Each structure stands twice: as structure tokens, then as C-alpha cells.
Amino acid sequence: MKQSLSPRYLAPAALATVAALLAACTSSVPLQDAKPATVAPAAPSSAEAQVAPPAAAIASHHAGTSNANNPRAYRADAAQHIYAMNSERIWKGRLPPLLYAIGVLQVEVDGKGAVRNLNWMRAPKHAPEVIAEIERTVRAAAPYPVPAKMGKVVYTDTWLWHKSGRFQLDTLTEGQD
């Protein structure tokens, strides 16, 4: 007699498979929208690493106020804010199957929208340049929307980093091929 597994038993197996795939987040095959590996280094060049929104965009961008009641809801406001500040660096469309780095970062935002603390829950230690660039990007995007209903907030998001230096946040990802 053949036994079928219920969905609750399949989910852990699927998660284990995804975790194994994420552990191998490198590729030497050129991907769609990416330069060949012989032309583009795995990490952004120092000129690319210094890419920041134009000063006029920073000066004219007002983060506003978040009406989120909890950190998960605030995470969406923060992700939209980071995307607005880094529109030229966002990977458009579905991400390729293999990424250069994936990191999980916890960010503390105070009652004025300033970044008070960064805490890596899962740092992409094989790519220290990505760690530094994500931290720089998070700090450069301040001030964040003021967490009016919470006073301050600590939220967590996952950074999905392509070797070209473009990224998506898990909160707003368009998925992966």
C-alpha cells in the first residue's frame, strides 16, 4: 500500500531543499542581464561600490511616517523606502536561480527614523564587500519612515544580492527563476 505524505511533512523537505540551494549561491555561468564573469568581477568595483543616490534625490526625499502596528508591517515601509533611494540598483524582474550572496539583517530604527543599530542574523561571510555595501546602503537611506505607532522598531529583512551589485529585498522580491 502506497502512503502519501501530507503537505505538513512536505514543507520541511522543501525548506531543506531550498536551504541546500541557498548554501551554494555562486555561479560561474553568465546570467541574464549580467556581464560575463570575465568582464564583471564578483564584487562591484570600488566605483560601483560608492554608488549612492544623487544628493538632490536625498535632499528631496521625505521618508514620511509609517502607520505600521508591528515590525513585519514596518518592514514593507522600510523596503519601499530603500527601493526609492536605490532605484537604479534594484534587480528588475525575477532573480536568477543562483545568487552571489544572501544576508539577513536586523535594523533598529528610532522614533525619528534614524538607524540606531544593525545586527546580522545571517551574514554572507564569503562576501565581506557585500556586507559592507549593504550596511552602507541601509545607513545612507536614513531617515526612514518614522514608526509613529511603535515609537521605535527593530525589523528584519533578507537581502538577495546578485554579483552585478544589484539586489532585491525579500519583502518586495519578484521571485526567482
N, C-alpha and C. Protein backbone atom coordinates (compact mmCIF):
# COMPACT_ATOMS: atom_id res chain seq x y z
N MET A 1 0.84 -1.17 0.00
CA MET A 1 0.00 0.00 0.00
C MET A 1 0.89 1.24 0.00
N LYS A 2 0.63 2.15 -0.92
CA LYS A 2 1.44 3.34 -1.04
C LYS A 2 0.91 4.42 -0.10
N GLN A 3 1.83 5.01 0.68
CA GLN A 3 1.43 6.07 1.60
C GLN A 3 1.73 7.41 0.96
N SER A 4 0.82 8.36 1.11
CA SER A 4 1.12 9.70 0.62
C SER A 4 1.44 10.58 1.81
N LEU A 5 2.35 11.51 1.58
CA LEU A 5 2.75 12.41 2.65
C LEU A 5 1.83 13.62 2.65
N SER A 6 1.44 14.05 3.82
CA SER A 6 0.61 15.24 3.91
C SER A 6 1.48 16.46 3.65
N PRO A 7 0.86 17.60 3.27
CA PRO A 7 1.63 18.82 2.99
C PRO A 7 2.50 19.27 4.16
N ARG A 8 2.08 18.99 5.40
CA ARG A 8 2.89 19.44 6.54
C ARG A 8 4.22 18.70 6.62
N TYR A 9 4.30 17.49 6.03
CA TYR A 9 5.57 16.76 6.00
C TYR A 9 6.39 17.15 4.79
N LEU A 10 5.73 17.60 3.73
CA LEU A 10 6.46 18.01 2.53
C LEU A 10 7.13 19.37 2.72
N ALA A 11 6.51 20.26 3.50
CA ALA A 11 7.07 21.60 3.69
C ALA A 11 8.49 21.56 4.27
N PRO A 12 8.77 20.79 5.33
CA PRO A 12 10.15 20.75 5.83
C PRO A 12 11.14 20.21 4.79
N ALA A 13 10.71 19.25 3.99
CA ALA A 13 11.59 18.71 2.95
C ALA A 13 11.86 19.78 1.91
N ALA A 14 10.84 20.53 1.54
CA ALA A 14 11.03 21.61 0.56
C ALA A 14 11.94 22.69 1.13
N LEU A 15 11.77 23.03 2.40
CA LEU A 15 12.64 24.02 3.03
C LEU A 15 14.08 23.55 3.08
N ALA A 16 14.27 22.28 3.35
CA ALA A 16 15.64 21.74 3.39
C ALA A 16 16.28 21.82 2.01
N THR A 17 15.48 21.55 0.97
CA THR A 17 16.00 21.65 -0.39
C THR A 17 16.37 23.08 -0.72
N VAL A 18 15.51 24.04 -0.37
CA VAL A 18 15.80 25.45 -0.62
C VAL A 18 17.05 25.87 0.15
N ALA A 19 17.17 25.44 1.40
CA ALA A 19 18.34 25.79 2.20
C ALA A 19 19.62 25.25 1.56
N ALA A 20 19.56 24.05 1.03
CA ALA A 20 20.74 23.47 0.36
C ALA A 20 21.09 24.27 -0.89
N LEU A 21 20.08 24.70 -1.62
CA LEU A 21 20.33 25.51 -2.81
C LEU A 21 20.92 26.86 -2.45
N LEU A 22 20.42 27.47 -1.39
CA LEU A 22 20.93 28.77 -0.97
C LEU A 22 22.37 28.67 -0.49
N ALA A 23 22.74 27.53 0.06
CA ALA A 23 24.11 27.36 0.54
C ALA A 23 25.11 27.36 -0.61
N ALA A 24 24.63 27.09 -1.81
CA ALA A 24 25.51 27.06 -2.99
C ALA A 24 25.22 28.27 -3.88
N CYS A 25 25.20 29.45 -3.30
CA CYS A 25 24.80 30.66 -4.02
C CYS A 25 25.93 31.29 -4.82
N THR A 26 26.58 30.52 -5.64
CA THR A 26 27.56 31.09 -6.56
C THR A 26 27.39 30.43 -7.91
N SER A 27 27.81 31.12 -8.93
CA SER A 27 27.71 30.58 -10.27
C SER A 27 28.81 31.17 -11.13
N SER A 28 29.39 30.35 -11.97
CA SER A 28 30.37 30.87 -12.91
C SER A 28 29.76 31.05 -14.29
N VAL A 29 28.49 30.73 -14.44
CA VAL A 29 27.79 30.87 -15.71
C VAL A 29 27.22 32.27 -15.80
N PRO A 30 27.46 33.01 -16.90
CA PRO A 30 26.86 34.33 -17.04
C PRO A 30 25.34 34.21 -17.02
N LEU A 31 24.70 35.12 -16.30
CA LEU A 31 23.27 35.08 -16.15
C LEU A 31 22.61 36.19 -16.95
N GLN A 32 21.30 36.07 -17.16
CA GLN A 32 20.55 37.08 -17.87
C GLN A 32 20.79 38.43 -17.21
N ASP A 33 20.95 39.46 -18.01
CA ASP A 33 21.16 40.83 -17.53
C ASP A 33 22.48 41.00 -16.79
N ALA A 34 23.38 40.04 -16.85
CA ALA A 34 24.65 40.17 -16.16
C ALA A 34 25.77 40.11 -17.18
N LYS A 35 26.86 40.80 -16.88
CA LYS A 35 28.03 40.73 -17.76
C LYS A 35 28.71 39.39 -17.56
N PRO A 36 29.43 38.88 -18.56
CA PRO A 36 30.15 37.62 -18.37
C PRO A 36 31.15 37.76 -17.22
N ALA A 37 31.41 36.65 -16.55
CA ALA A 37 32.29 36.66 -15.38
C ALA A 37 33.68 37.18 -15.70
N THR A 38 34.13 37.02 -16.94
CA THR A 38 35.46 37.50 -17.29
C THR A 38 35.49 39.02 -17.40
N VAL A 39 34.34 39.65 -17.56
CA VAL A 39 34.28 41.10 -17.68
C VAL A 39 33.89 41.74 -16.35
N ALA A 40 32.91 41.16 -15.66
CA ALA A 40 32.42 41.75 -14.42
C ALA A 40 32.95 40.95 -13.23
N PRO A 41 33.61 41.62 -12.30
CA PRO A 41 34.07 40.91 -11.11
C PRO A 41 32.89 40.49 -10.25
N ALA A 42 33.12 39.54 -9.37
CA ALA A 42 32.06 39.05 -8.48
C ALA A 42 31.54 40.17 -7.59
N ALA A 43 32.42 41.07 -7.22
CA ALA A 43 32.02 42.18 -6.36
C ALA A 43 32.00 43.46 -7.19
N PRO A 44 31.18 44.43 -6.81
CA PRO A 44 31.19 45.69 -7.52
C PRO A 44 32.57 46.33 -7.41
N SER A 45 32.98 47.05 -8.45
CA SER A 45 34.25 47.76 -8.39
C SER A 45 34.14 48.86 -7.34
N SER A 46 35.26 49.45 -6.98
CA SER A 46 35.20 50.49 -5.96
C SER A 46 34.35 51.65 -6.42
N ALA A 47 34.33 51.93 -7.72
CA ALA A 47 33.47 53.00 -8.23
C ALA A 47 32.00 52.61 -8.08
N GLU A 48 31.66 51.35 -8.40
CA GLU A 48 30.28 50.89 -8.25
C GLU A 48 29.88 50.83 -6.78
N ALA A 49 30.82 50.44 -5.93
CA ALA A 49 30.51 50.31 -4.51
C ALA A 49 30.17 51.66 -3.90
N GLN A 50 30.66 52.74 -4.52
CA GLN A 50 30.40 54.07 -4.00
C GLN A 50 29.12 54.68 -4.58
N VAL A 51 28.39 53.92 -5.40
CA VAL A 51 27.16 54.43 -5.99
C VAL A 51 26.19 54.78 -4.88
N ALA A 52 25.69 55.98 -4.92
CA ALA A 52 24.70 56.43 -3.95
C ALA A 52 23.67 57.26 -4.69
N PRO A 53 22.49 57.40 -4.14
CA PRO A 53 21.50 58.24 -4.79
C PRO A 53 22.05 59.65 -4.94
N PRO A 54 21.70 60.37 -6.01
CA PRO A 54 22.16 61.74 -6.16
C PRO A 54 21.76 62.58 -4.95
N ALA A 55 22.60 63.56 -4.61
CA ALA A 55 22.33 64.39 -3.44
C ALA A 55 20.97 65.06 -3.55
N ALA A 56 20.57 65.48 -4.74
CA ALA A 56 19.27 66.12 -4.92
C ALA A 56 18.14 65.16 -4.57
N ALA A 57 18.32 63.88 -4.90
CA ALA A 57 17.29 62.89 -4.58
C ALA A 57 17.19 62.70 -3.08
N ILE A 58 18.33 62.71 -2.40
CA ILE A 58 18.32 62.55 -0.95
C ILE A 58 17.67 63.76 -0.30
N ALA A 59 18.06 64.95 -0.76
CA ALA A 59 17.52 66.17 -0.18
C ALA A 59 16.02 66.29 -0.41
N SER A 60 15.53 65.84 -1.57
CA SER A 60 14.12 66.00 -1.89
C SER A 60 13.26 64.84 -1.38
N HIS A 61 13.90 63.76 -0.94
CA HIS A 61 13.14 62.60 -0.50
C HIS A 61 12.76 62.76 0.97
N HIS A 62 11.49 62.71 1.24
CA HIS A 62 11.00 62.78 2.62
C HIS A 62 10.43 61.41 2.96
N ALA A 63 10.97 60.80 3.98
CA ALA A 63 10.57 59.43 4.33
C ALA A 63 9.15 59.36 4.86
N GLY A 64 8.66 60.42 5.46
CA GLY A 64 7.29 60.41 5.96
C GLY A 64 7.14 59.62 7.24
N THR A 65 5.90 59.17 7.44
CA THR A 65 5.54 58.46 8.66
C THR A 65 4.96 57.10 8.31
N SER A 66 5.33 56.10 9.07
CA SER A 66 4.77 54.76 8.91
C SER A 66 3.66 54.57 9.93
N ASN A 67 2.55 54.05 9.48
CA ASN A 67 1.44 53.74 10.39
C ASN A 67 1.42 52.26 10.77
N ALA A 68 2.54 51.59 10.56
CA ALA A 68 2.64 50.16 10.87
C ALA A 68 2.45 49.93 12.37
N ASN A 69 1.76 48.84 12.69
CA ASN A 69 1.50 48.47 14.08
C ASN A 69 2.50 47.47 14.62
N ASN A 70 3.32 46.87 13.72
CA ASN A 70 4.26 45.83 14.15
C ASN A 70 5.48 45.83 13.23
N PRO A 71 6.56 45.20 13.66
CA PRO A 71 7.77 45.20 12.85
C PRO A 71 7.59 44.62 11.45
N ARG A 72 6.77 43.60 11.31
CA ARG A 72 6.56 42.99 9.99
C ARG A 72 5.91 43.97 9.02
N ALA A 73 4.94 44.73 9.50
CA ALA A 73 4.29 45.74 8.66
C ALA A 73 5.27 46.88 8.36
N TYR A 74 6.09 47.26 9.33
CA TYR A 74 7.06 48.32 9.11
C TYR A 74 8.10 47.91 8.07
N ARG A 75 8.44 46.64 8.06
CA ARG A 75 9.43 46.12 7.11
C ARG A 75 9.05 46.48 5.67
N ALA A 76 7.77 46.41 5.33
CA ALA A 76 7.32 46.76 3.98
C ALA A 76 7.57 48.24 3.70
N ASP A 77 7.28 49.10 4.68
CA ASP A 77 7.54 50.54 4.51
C ASP A 77 9.03 50.80 4.34
N ALA A 78 9.86 50.14 5.14
CA ALA A 78 11.31 50.32 5.05
C ALA A 78 11.84 49.82 3.71
N ALA A 79 11.34 48.68 3.25
CA ALA A 79 11.79 48.14 1.96
C ALA A 79 11.43 49.09 0.82
N GLN A 80 10.22 49.62 0.84
CA GLN A 80 9.82 50.57 -0.20
C GLN A 80 10.70 51.82 -0.15
N HIS A 81 11.05 52.25 1.04
CA HIS A 81 11.93 53.40 1.21
C HIS A 81 13.33 53.11 0.62
N ILE A 82 13.88 51.94 0.94
CA ILE A 82 15.20 51.58 0.40
C ILE A 82 15.14 51.49 -1.13
N TYR A 83 14.08 50.91 -1.68
CA TYR A 83 13.93 50.84 -3.14
C TYR A 83 13.88 52.24 -3.75
N ALA A 84 13.14 53.15 -3.13
CA ALA A 84 13.03 54.52 -3.65
C ALA A 84 14.39 55.22 -3.65
N MET A 85 15.20 54.94 -2.65
CA MET A 85 16.52 55.58 -2.54
C MET A 85 17.57 54.92 -3.44
N ASN A 86 17.28 53.72 -3.95
CA ASN A 86 18.27 52.96 -4.72
C ASN A 86 17.67 52.39 -6.00
N SER A 87 16.80 53.10 -6.65
CA SER A 87 16.05 52.55 -7.78
C SER A 87 16.95 52.02 -8.89
N GLU A 88 18.09 52.63 -9.12
CA GLU A 88 18.99 52.17 -10.19
C GLU A 88 19.74 50.89 -9.81
N ARG A 89 19.67 50.50 -8.55
CA ARG A 89 20.40 49.32 -8.08
C ARG A 89 19.51 48.11 -7.85
N ILE A 90 18.22 48.26 -8.07
CA ILE A 90 17.28 47.16 -7.83
C ILE A 90 17.27 46.24 -9.04
N TRP A 91 17.36 44.94 -8.81
CA TRP A 91 17.26 43.94 -9.88
C TRP A 91 15.82 43.93 -10.36
N LYS A 92 15.61 44.19 -11.64
CA LYS A 92 14.27 44.22 -12.20
C LYS A 92 13.87 42.82 -12.64
N GLY A 93 12.67 42.39 -12.26
CA GLY A 93 12.17 41.08 -12.66
C GLY A 93 12.59 39.99 -11.70
N ARG A 94 12.41 38.76 -12.18
CA ARG A 94 12.75 37.59 -11.35
C ARG A 94 14.26 37.44 -11.27
N LEU A 95 14.73 37.09 -10.09
CA LEU A 95 16.16 36.87 -9.88
C LEU A 95 16.58 35.54 -10.51
N PRO A 96 17.85 35.44 -10.93
CA PRO A 96 18.34 34.16 -11.44
C PRO A 96 18.40 33.12 -10.32
N PRO A 97 18.52 31.86 -10.67
CA PRO A 97 18.48 30.80 -9.66
C PRO A 97 19.63 30.82 -8.66
N LEU A 98 20.78 31.28 -9.06
CA LEU A 98 21.93 31.30 -8.16
C LEU A 98 22.35 32.75 -7.92
N LEU A 99 22.47 33.12 -6.66
CA LEU A 99 22.85 34.48 -6.29
C LEU A 99 24.24 34.49 -5.69
N TYR A 100 24.88 35.65 -5.74
CA TYR A 100 26.22 35.79 -5.18
C TYR A 100 26.18 35.76 -3.66
N ALA A 101 25.17 36.42 -3.07
CA ALA A 101 25.11 36.48 -1.61
C ALA A 101 23.66 36.67 -1.15
N ILE A 102 23.39 36.12 0.01
CA ILE A 102 22.11 36.30 0.68
C ILE A 102 22.42 36.60 2.13
N GLY A 103 21.85 37.69 2.63
CA GLY A 103 22.10 38.07 4.02
C GLY A 103 20.80 38.45 4.70
N VAL A 104 20.74 38.16 5.98
CA VAL A 104 19.57 38.52 6.78
C VAL A 104 20.04 39.55 7.81
N LEU A 105 19.47 40.75 7.69
CA LEU A 105 19.91 41.88 8.52
C LEU A 105 18.76 42.42 9.35
N GLN A 106 19.06 42.63 10.63
CA GLN A 106 18.10 43.23 11.55
C GLN A 106 18.50 44.70 11.71
N VAL A 107 17.52 45.59 11.56
CA VAL A 107 17.77 47.04 11.61
C VAL A 107 16.92 47.65 12.71
N GLU A 108 17.55 48.45 13.56
CA GLU A 108 16.82 49.19 14.59
C GLU A 108 16.68 50.64 14.13
N VAL A 109 15.43 51.11 14.08
CA VAL A 109 15.11 52.47 13.68
C VAL A 109 14.47 53.17 14.86
N ASP A 110 14.98 54.37 15.21
CA ASP A 110 14.43 55.08 16.36
C ASP A 110 13.19 55.88 15.98
N GLY A 111 12.66 56.61 16.93
CA GLY A 111 11.42 57.36 16.75
C GLY A 111 11.52 58.52 15.79
N LYS A 112 12.73 58.85 15.32
CA LYS A 112 12.91 59.93 14.34
C LYS A 112 13.28 59.38 12.96
N GLY A 113 13.35 58.05 12.83
CA GLY A 113 13.69 57.44 11.55
C GLY A 113 15.18 57.20 11.35
N ALA A 114 15.98 57.44 12.39
CA ALA A 114 17.43 57.23 12.29
C ALA A 114 17.77 55.76 12.57
N VAL A 115 18.79 55.26 11.89
CA VAL A 115 19.27 53.90 12.12
C VAL A 115 20.12 53.91 13.38
N ARG A 116 19.74 53.12 14.36
CA ARG A 116 20.47 53.05 15.63
C ARG A 116 21.38 51.85 15.72
N ASN A 117 21.02 50.75 15.08
CA ASN A 117 21.82 49.54 15.22
C ASN A 117 21.56 48.61 14.04
N LEU A 118 22.59 47.90 13.63
CA LEU A 118 22.48 46.85 12.62
C LEU A 118 22.99 45.56 13.25
N ASN A 119 22.26 44.48 13.02
CA ASN A 119 22.65 43.19 13.58
C ASN A 119 22.46 42.12 12.52
N TRP A 120 23.54 41.47 12.11
CA TRP A 120 23.45 40.41 11.10
C TRP A 120 22.93 39.14 11.74
N MET A 121 21.81 38.64 11.24
CA MET A 121 21.27 37.37 11.67
C MET A 121 21.94 36.24 10.87
N ARG A 122 22.22 36.54 9.59
CA ARG A 122 22.96 35.63 8.71
C ARG A 122 23.76 36.49 7.74
N ALA A 123 25.02 36.66 8.03
CA ALA A 123 25.89 37.49 7.19
C ALA A 123 26.49 36.64 6.07
N PRO A 124 26.58 37.19 4.86
CA PRO A 124 27.25 36.47 3.77
C PRO A 124 28.77 36.59 3.93
N LYS A 125 29.32 35.81 4.84
CA LYS A 125 30.73 35.94 5.22
C LYS A 125 31.70 35.68 4.07
N HIS A 126 31.25 34.96 3.04
CA HIS A 126 32.11 34.72 1.88
C HIS A 126 32.26 35.98 1.03
N ALA A 127 31.44 37.01 1.33
CA ALA A 127 31.44 38.24 0.53
C ALA A 127 31.47 39.46 1.47
N PRO A 128 32.61 39.72 2.11
CA PRO A 128 32.66 40.84 3.06
C PRO A 128 32.37 42.19 2.39
N GLU A 129 32.65 42.29 1.10
CA GLU A 129 32.35 43.55 0.40
C GLU A 129 30.85 43.77 0.29
N VAL A 130 30.07 42.69 0.23
CA VAL A 130 28.61 42.81 0.19
C VAL A 130 28.09 43.22 1.56
N ILE A 131 28.65 42.65 2.62
CA ILE A 131 28.26 43.04 3.97
C ILE A 131 28.45 44.55 4.13
N ALA A 132 29.63 45.04 3.77
CA ALA A 132 29.93 46.47 3.90
C ALA A 132 28.99 47.33 3.05
N GLU A 133 28.70 46.88 1.83
CA GLU A 133 27.84 47.66 0.94
C GLU A 133 26.39 47.68 1.42
N ILE A 134 25.90 46.58 1.94
CA ILE A 134 24.53 46.56 2.48
C ILE A 134 24.45 47.50 3.69
N GLU A 135 25.42 47.43 4.56
CA GLU A 135 25.41 48.32 5.73
C GLU A 135 25.46 49.78 5.30
N ARG A 136 26.31 50.09 4.31
CA ARG A 136 26.40 51.46 3.81
C ARG A 136 25.07 51.90 3.21
N THR A 137 24.44 51.01 2.44
CA THR A 137 23.17 51.33 1.79
C THR A 137 22.08 51.58 2.82
N VAL A 138 22.01 50.75 3.85
CA VAL A 138 21.00 50.91 4.90
C VAL A 138 21.19 52.24 5.62
N ARG A 139 22.42 52.55 5.98
CA ARG A 139 22.69 53.81 6.70
C ARG A 139 22.46 55.03 5.80
N ALA A 140 22.81 54.94 4.53
CA ALA A 140 22.64 56.07 3.61
C ALA A 140 21.17 56.36 3.33
N ALA A 141 20.30 55.39 3.52
CA ALA A 141 18.87 55.59 3.25
C ALA A 141 18.16 56.32 4.38
N ALA A 142 18.82 56.55 5.50
CA ALA A 142 18.19 57.26 6.62
C ALA A 142 17.98 58.72 6.23
N PRO A 143 16.95 59.35 6.71
CA PRO A 143 15.99 58.85 7.69
C PRO A 143 14.93 57.96 7.05
N TYR A 144 14.52 56.96 7.82
CA TYR A 144 13.47 56.03 7.41
C TYR A 144 12.11 56.60 7.83
N PRO A 145 11.03 56.00 7.33
CA PRO A 145 9.71 56.45 7.80
C PRO A 145 9.64 56.34 9.34
N VAL A 146 9.13 57.38 9.96
CA VAL A 146 9.02 57.41 11.41
C VAL A 146 8.00 56.36 11.87
N PRO A 147 8.41 55.44 12.75
CA PRO A 147 7.47 54.41 13.24
C PRO A 147 6.54 55.01 14.30
N ALA A 148 5.57 55.80 13.86
CA ALA A 148 4.73 56.61 14.74
C ALA A 148 3.99 55.79 15.79
N LYS A 149 3.46 54.65 15.42
CA LYS A 149 2.64 53.85 16.35
C LYS A 149 3.47 52.99 17.29
N MET A 150 4.77 52.85 17.00
CA MET A 150 5.61 51.97 17.82
C MET A 150 6.68 52.73 18.58
N GLY A 151 6.92 53.98 18.24
CA GLY A 151 7.98 54.75 18.89
C GLY A 151 9.35 54.46 18.31
N LYS A 152 9.72 53.20 18.29
CA LYS A 152 10.93 52.71 17.62
C LYS A 152 10.61 51.32 17.14
N VAL A 153 11.48 50.78 16.25
CA VAL A 153 11.19 49.45 15.71
C VAL A 153 12.49 48.73 15.39
N VAL A 154 12.47 47.42 15.54
CA VAL A 154 13.55 46.56 15.07
C VAL A 154 12.89 45.61 14.08
N TYR A 155 13.32 45.70 12.82
CA TYR A 155 12.75 44.84 11.79
C TYR A 155 13.86 44.05 11.12
N THR A 156 13.50 42.96 10.47
CA THR A 156 14.46 42.09 9.80
C THR A 156 14.05 41.90 8.36
N ASP A 157 15.02 41.98 7.44
CA ASP A 157 14.76 41.69 6.04
C ASP A 157 15.93 40.90 5.47
N THR A 158 15.64 40.19 4.39
CA THR A 158 16.65 39.38 3.71
C THR A 158 17.07 40.07 2.43
N TRP A 159 18.37 40.23 2.27
CA TRP A 159 18.95 40.87 1.08
C TRP A 159 19.36 39.78 0.10
N LEU A 160 18.86 39.86 -1.11
CA LEU A 160 19.15 38.92 -2.19
C LEU A 160 20.07 39.65 -3.16
N TRP A 161 21.34 39.30 -3.18
CA TRP A 161 22.39 40.07 -3.85
C TRP A 161 22.93 39.33 -5.07
N HIS A 162 22.84 39.99 -6.22
CA HIS A 162 23.40 39.45 -7.45
C HIS A 162 24.85 39.92 -7.58
N LYS A 163 25.67 39.17 -8.29
CA LYS A 163 27.09 39.52 -8.42
C LYS A 163 27.31 40.85 -9.14
N SER A 164 26.31 41.36 -9.85
CA SER A 164 26.43 42.66 -10.53
C SER A 164 26.34 43.82 -9.55
N GLY A 165 25.94 43.54 -8.31
CA GLY A 165 25.76 44.60 -7.33
C GLY A 165 24.32 45.05 -7.20
N ARG A 166 23.44 44.51 -8.05
CA ARG A 166 22.02 44.82 -7.93
C ARG A 166 21.38 43.84 -6.95
N PHE A 167 20.27 44.24 -6.36
CA PHE A 167 19.67 43.42 -5.31
C PHE A 167 18.16 43.55 -5.30
N GLN A 168 17.54 42.67 -4.54
CA GLN A 168 16.14 42.77 -4.15
C GLN A 168 16.09 42.46 -2.66
N LEU A 169 15.05 42.97 -2.03
CA LEU A 169 14.77 42.61 -0.65
C LEU A 169 13.68 41.56 -0.67
N ASP A 170 13.77 40.59 0.23
CA ASP A 170 12.79 39.51 0.26
C ASP A 170 11.36 40.06 0.37
N THR A 171 11.19 41.13 1.11
CA THR A 171 9.87 41.72 1.30
C THR A 171 9.23 42.13 -0.02
N LEU A 172 10.02 42.58 -0.97
CA LEU A 172 9.49 43.07 -2.25
C LEU A 172 9.99 42.26 -3.44
N THR A 173 10.52 41.07 -3.20
CA THR A 173 11.10 40.29 -4.29
C THR A 173 10.08 39.95 -5.35
N GLU A 174 10.55 39.85 -6.57
CA GLU A 174 9.71 39.41 -7.69
C GLU A 174 9.87 37.92 -7.92
N GLY A 175 10.54 37.25 -7.02
CA GLY A 175 10.73 35.81 -7.13
C GLY A 175 12.05 35.46 -7.79
N GLN A 176 12.21 34.19 -8.01
CA GLN A 176 13.45 33.66 -8.55
C GLN A 176 13.13 32.63 -9.61
N ASP A 177 13.94 32.60 -10.68
CA ASP A 177 13.75 31.60 -11.74
C ASP A 177 14.12 30.22 -11.25
